[in-house]
Amino acid sequence: MVSLKIAVYPVKLSRSQEVFTGIKVLRRGNFKILKIFLGVLLVVCVAGPIILYYHHRVSNVENHREGISDYRHIGPRHEIRGFRFDSNHDGKRVISIKADRFSIQNKKLGFFRFSLINEAILENAFIHLYGRRSLPEDKSDDWQDLTFKAVFSRETMPSFPIKRISSIVMEPVCVKLHDEQFVVTQISASSASIRLKKRDILFKGDVRVVSGSRVLTTDQLRMLPEEGLITTDRQFILKTPEKQWKGLRLTTDVFLRPSIP
């Protein structure tokens, strides 16, 4: 019987052969990982600057919009709580204003405010206007007019220059009209605006005028202080002890007398 013996002798590799074998194993085992790593690195190098540029543009746009919003909806530049204003003309009282809060803002038109036009805001305003009686030449002593001609004079409202403030807005408002001794008429409304250039007072919303036993109700009313007249082109109801009037247009004096001389 013949037996074979095979002897295995270890083969010693040189240094260069070991390095080559290691590299070969690395290439076979980790080629996919290396490929993925290089791909991610390439994406970061390309996309990184693009993302930074986009973020910078978005930030600038947001800051720009924020600046526009602040400009359009600017807060009050002047504010006084517990506001009180009194003014005389030729040594006689003309106007007295009380309000919970006074502020000056850019005039609001729709949803926007414009810096070139200002308006004064009075919250919960109480106003007293003091008029002067006059006797028309063609009327008897029983019929006297009451006018408030000094209300819009520069001496009366030095703190409200017409060039800077277009109107004085009051929400809500109660106006009491005085003759030389007593309160003769009271006007209340949800809001009112003293329009300095038009030299009138425009009342809006639940307008109620009371003069003695006469009562006028409407939703919009215009008062002309210098003429001592009030007028409306809206539906109104005027009640007196003798009669009740309804209509769409009315012009009368501050005493709510049915006819104007």
Protein backbone atom coordinates (compact mmCIF):
# COMPACT_ATOMS: atom_id res chain seq x y z
CA MET A 1 0.00 0.00 0.00
CA VAL A 2 1.35 3.36 -0.97
CA SER A 3 0.68 6.43 1.15
CA LEU A 4 1.22 10.02 0.12
CA LYS A 5 2.17 12.76 2.43
CA ILE A 6 1.66 16.36 1.41
CA ALA A 7 3.54 18.89 3.32
CA VAL A 8 2.32 22.52 3.41
CA TYR A 9 4.96 25.10 4.04
CA PRO A 10 4.00 28.68 4.87
CA VAL A 11 4.97 31.17 2.27
CA LYS A 12 6.25 34.44 3.53
CA LEU A 13 5.14 37.47 1.55
CA SER A 14 7.26 40.45 1.03
CA ARG A 15 6.28 43.91 2.35
CA SER A 16 5.20 45.15 -1.06
CA GLN A 17 3.07 42.06 -1.63
CA GLU A 18 1.28 42.62 1.70
CA VAL A 19 0.46 46.20 0.85
CA PHE A 20 -0.84 45.21 -2.58
CA THR A 21 -3.03 42.49 -1.10
CA GLY A 22 -4.49 44.90 1.51
CA ILE A 23 -5.34 47.47 -1.12
CA LYS A 24 -6.96 44.79 -3.25
CA VAL A 25 -9.12 43.65 -0.32
CA LEU A 26 -10.04 47.28 0.45
CA ARG A 27 -11.08 47.87 -3.13
CA ARG A 28 -13.26 44.80 -3.17
CA GLY A 29 -14.92 45.27 0.24
CA ASN A 30 -15.31 49.02 0.61
CA PHE A 31 -15.62 50.27 -2.93
CA LYS A 32 -19.34 50.92 -2.56
CA ILE A 33 -18.84 52.83 0.71
CA LEU A 34 -16.13 54.95 -0.83
CA LYS A 35 -18.32 55.64 -3.83
CA ILE A 36 -21.19 56.77 -1.62
CA PHE A 37 -18.90 59.00 0.46
CA LEU A 38 -17.49 60.71 -2.61
CA GLY A 39 -21.02 61.23 -3.97
CA VAL A 40 -22.20 62.84 -0.75
CA LEU A 41 -19.10 65.04 -0.68
CA LEU A 42 -19.77 66.16 -4.23
CA VAL A 43 -23.40 67.00 -3.44
CA VAL A 44 -22.38 69.03 -0.39
CA CYS A 45 -19.78 70.95 -2.37
CA VAL A 46 -22.28 71.82 -5.11
CA ALA A 47 -25.48 72.27 -3.10
CA GLY A 48 -23.95 74.02 -0.08
CA PRO A 49 -23.26 77.38 -1.76
CA ILE A 50 -26.68 77.27 -3.46
CA ILE A 51 -28.46 76.73 -0.12
CA LEU A 52 -26.49 79.51 1.56
CA TYR A 53 -27.26 81.91 -1.29
CA TYR A 54 -30.99 81.07 -1.20
CA HIS A 55 -31.12 81.49 2.60
CA HIS A 56 -29.42 84.87 2.28
CA ARG A 57 -31.94 86.04 -0.35
CA VAL A 58 -34.92 84.87 1.72
CA SER A 59 -33.59 86.65 4.80
CA ASN A 60 -33.20 89.88 2.85
CA VAL A 61 -36.73 89.62 1.44
CA GLU A 62 -38.19 88.94 4.90
CA ASN A 63 -36.29 91.87 6.38
CA HIS A 64 -37.47 94.09 3.56
CA ARG A 65 -41.09 93.02 4.05
CA GLU A 66 -40.76 93.50 7.77
CA GLY A 67 -39.51 97.01 7.20
CA ILE A 68 -42.42 97.79 4.90
CA SER A 69 -44.89 96.41 7.42
CA ASP A 70 -43.41 98.56 10.18
CA TYR A 71 -43.66 101.59 7.91
CA ARG A 72 -47.23 100.96 6.86
CA HIS A 73 -48.46 100.07 10.32
CA ILE A 74 -46.30 102.40 12.31
CA GLY A 75 -47.29 102.82 15.93
CA PRO A 76 -48.22 106.10 17.53
CA ARG A 77 -45.34 108.59 17.63
CA HIS A 78 -46.94 110.67 20.41
CA GLU A 79 -49.18 109.28 23.12
CA ILE A 80 -50.79 110.88 26.17
CA ARG A 81 -53.07 109.09 28.60
CA GLY A 82 -55.63 111.12 30.54
CA PHE A 83 -55.52 113.81 27.86
CA ARG A 84 -56.93 117.29 28.58
CA PHE A 85 -56.98 120.32 26.27
CA ASP A 86 -58.57 123.74 26.84
CA SER A 87 -58.41 126.79 24.61
CA ASN A 88 -59.65 130.38 24.74
CA HIS A 89 -60.12 133.02 22.07
CA ASP A 90 -60.31 136.75 22.81
CA GLY A 91 -60.47 135.95 26.50
CA LYS A 92 -63.45 133.58 26.17
CA ARG A 93 -63.54 129.82 26.36
CA VAL A 94 -63.92 128.12 22.97
CA ILE A 95 -63.22 124.41 23.32
CA SER A 96 -62.46 121.83 26.01
CA ILE A 97 -61.39 118.26 25.19
CA LYS A 98 -61.02 115.28 27.50
CA ALA A 99 -60.03 111.79 26.39
CA ASP A 100 -58.73 108.58 27.92
CA ARG A 101 -55.92 108.47 25.38
CA PHE A 102 -54.46 110.83 22.79
CA SER A 103 -52.05 109.78 20.03
CA ILE A 104 -50.77 111.00 16.67
CA GLN A 105 -50.48 108.47 13.86
CA ASN A 106 -50.06 108.35 10.11
CA LYS A 107 -53.45 108.64 8.47
CA LYS A 108 -55.03 105.28 7.68
CA LEU A 109 -56.49 104.71 4.22
CA GLY A 110 -57.87 101.19 3.98
CA PHE A 111 -55.25 98.81 5.39
CA PHE A 112 -52.31 101.17 4.94
CA ARG A 113 -50.98 104.26 6.68
CA PHE A 114 -49.17 107.10 4.91
CA SER A 115 -46.46 109.14 6.56
CA LEU A 116 -47.26 112.32 4.63
CA ILE A 117 -50.71 112.63 6.25
CA ASN A 118 -51.20 112.59 10.02
CA GLU A 119 -54.25 112.34 12.22
CA ALA A 120 -54.83 112.76 15.94
CA ILE A 121 -56.68 109.92 17.69
CA LEU A 122 -58.83 110.51 20.78
CA GLU A 123 -60.23 107.49 22.59
CA ASN A 124 -63.46 107.95 24.57
CA ALA A 125 -63.58 111.68 23.90
CA PHE A 126 -65.73 114.31 25.61
CA ILE A 127 -65.77 117.69 23.90
CA HIS A 128 -67.33 120.97 24.99
CA LEU A 129 -67.81 123.70 22.38
CA TYR A 130 -68.69 127.21 23.54
CA GLY A 131 -70.62 129.33 21.06
CA ARG A 132 -71.82 132.91 20.72
CA ARG A 133 -75.41 133.93 20.17
CA SER A 134 -76.32 136.38 17.43
CA LEU A 135 -79.64 137.92 16.37
CA PRO A 136 -80.46 137.79 12.64
CA GLU A 137 -81.60 141.12 11.23
CA ASP A 138 -84.90 139.74 9.89
CA LYS A 139 -85.88 137.75 13.02
CA SER A 140 -87.41 138.54 16.37
CA ASP A 141 -85.68 138.31 19.74
CA ASP A 142 -87.12 134.81 20.18
CA TRP A 143 -85.00 133.45 17.33
CA GLN A 144 -81.27 133.64 17.95
CA ASP A 145 -78.50 131.82 16.15
CA LEU A 146 -75.65 130.04 17.93
CA THR A 147 -72.35 129.78 16.10
CA PHE A 148 -68.87 128.46 16.94
CA LYS A 149 -66.74 130.53 14.57
CA ALA A 150 -63.56 130.45 16.67
CA VAL A 151 -63.24 126.65 16.79
CA PHE A 152 -60.97 126.41 13.73
CA SER A 153 -58.86 129.51 14.35
CA ARG A 154 -55.11 129.11 14.76
CA GLU A 155 -55.31 130.70 18.20
CA THR A 156 -57.75 127.99 19.32
CA MET A 157 -55.75 124.94 18.23
CA PRO A 158 -52.05 125.85 18.17
CA SER A 159 -51.12 122.24 18.93
CA PHE A 160 -52.87 120.96 15.79
CA PRO A 161 -51.20 122.67 12.81
CA ILE A 162 -53.28 122.08 9.68
CA LYS A 163 -50.23 121.34 7.52
CA ARG A 164 -49.29 118.29 9.59
CA ILE A 165 -52.63 116.93 10.84
CA SER A 166 -55.58 116.52 8.49
CA SER A 167 -58.17 115.44 11.07
CA ILE A 168 -58.89 114.62 14.70
CA VAL A 169 -60.57 111.21 15.03
CA MET A 170 -62.65 110.44 18.14
CA GLU A 171 -63.99 106.98 19.06
CA PRO A 172 -66.53 107.06 20.71
CA VAL A 173 -67.46 110.69 21.18
CA CYS A 174 -69.83 112.97 23.05
CA VAL A 175 -70.01 116.66 22.11
CA LYS A 176 -71.81 119.22 24.26
CA LEU A 177 -72.69 122.57 22.74
CA HIS A 178 -72.83 125.55 25.11
CA ASP A 179 -74.25 128.97 24.65
CA GLU A 180 -72.98 131.73 26.91
CA GLN A 181 -74.63 130.13 29.95
CA PHE A 182 -75.91 126.56 29.50
CA VAL A 183 -75.59 123.31 27.56
CA VAL A 184 -78.15 123.61 24.75
CA THR A 185 -77.40 120.51 22.64
CA GLN A 186 -75.60 117.17 23.01
CA ILE A 187 -74.36 115.00 20.13
CA SER A 188 -73.14 111.42 20.65
CA ALA A 189 -71.87 108.91 18.09
CA SER A 190 -69.71 105.83 17.66
CA SER A 191 -67.06 107.98 16.01
CA ALA A 192 -66.47 111.48 14.74
CA SER A 193 -63.81 113.33 12.81
CA ILE A 194 -62.92 117.01 13.11
CA ARG A 195 -61.81 117.75 9.57
CA LEU A 196 -59.58 120.79 9.82
CA LYS A 197 -59.37 121.61 6.11
CA LYS A 198 -63.10 121.20 5.52
CA ARG A 199 -63.82 123.02 8.79
CA ASP A 200 -66.56 120.63 9.85
CA ILE A 201 -67.24 117.68 12.18
CA LEU A 202 -68.43 114.40 10.66
CA PHE A 203 -70.29 112.01 13.01
CA LYS A 204 -70.79 108.35 12.12
CA GLY A 205 -72.62 105.41 13.65
CA ASP A 206 -75.60 105.63 16.04
CA VAL A 207 -75.70 109.43 15.89
CA ARG A 208 -78.04 110.97 18.46
CA VAL A 209 -78.69 114.69 18.87
CA VAL A 210 -80.66 115.99 21.84
CA SER A 211 -81.69 119.63 22.27
CA GLY A 212 -84.27 120.19 24.95
CA SER A 213 -87.30 118.06 24.07
CA ARG A 214 -86.17 117.54 20.45
CA VAL A 215 -84.31 114.35 19.46
CA LEU A 216 -82.67 113.54 16.13
CA THR A 217 -81.32 110.07 15.26
CA THR A 218 -79.42 109.01 12.14
CA ASP A 219 -76.30 107.06 11.15
CA GLN A 220 -74.28 109.98 9.77
CA LEU A 221 -74.32 113.69 10.50
CA ARG A 222 -72.24 116.70 9.50
CA MET A 223 -71.90 119.74 11.72
CA LEU A 224 -70.79 123.13 10.45
CA PRO A 225 -69.64 124.97 13.59
CA GLU A 226 -69.04 128.33 11.92
CA GLU A 227 -72.62 128.43 10.57
CA GLY A 228 -74.17 126.73 13.58
CA LEU A 229 -75.85 124.16 11.30
CA ILE A 230 -76.14 120.38 11.16
CA THR A 231 -77.04 118.42 8.05
CA THR A 232 -77.52 114.81 6.97
CA ASP A 233 -78.27 113.07 3.68
CA ARG A 234 -79.10 109.76 5.36
CA GLN A 235 -82.32 108.39 6.73
CA PHE A 236 -83.26 110.28 9.90
CA ILE A 237 -85.99 110.61 12.53
CA LEU A 238 -86.63 113.96 14.21
CA LYS A 239 -88.98 113.93 17.19
CA THR A 240 -90.48 117.03 18.81
CA PRO A 241 -93.32 117.37 21.32
CA GLU A 242 -95.62 118.44 18.49
CA LYS A 243 -94.61 116.20 15.61
CA GLN A 244 -92.28 113.54 14.21
CA TRP A 245 -90.40 113.87 10.91
CA LYS A 246 -88.80 111.13 8.83
CA GLY A 247 -86.77 111.56 5.68
CA LEU A 248 -83.49 111.18 3.79
CA ARG A 249 -82.20 114.75 3.89
CA LEU A 250 -82.22 117.36 6.63
CA THR A 251 -80.62 120.71 7.38
CA THR A 252 -81.33 122.44 10.67
CA ASP A 253 -79.65 124.47 13.37
CA VAL A 254 -78.08 123.14 16.58
CA PHE A 255 -81.42 123.62 18.38
CA LEU A 256 -83.12 121.15 15.98
CA ARG A 257 -85.72 123.72 15.00
CA PRO A 258 -87.77 122.25 12.12
CA SER A 259 -87.24 125.19 9.75
CA ILE A 260 -84.16 127.25 9.00
CA PRO A 261 -84.63 131.04 8.67
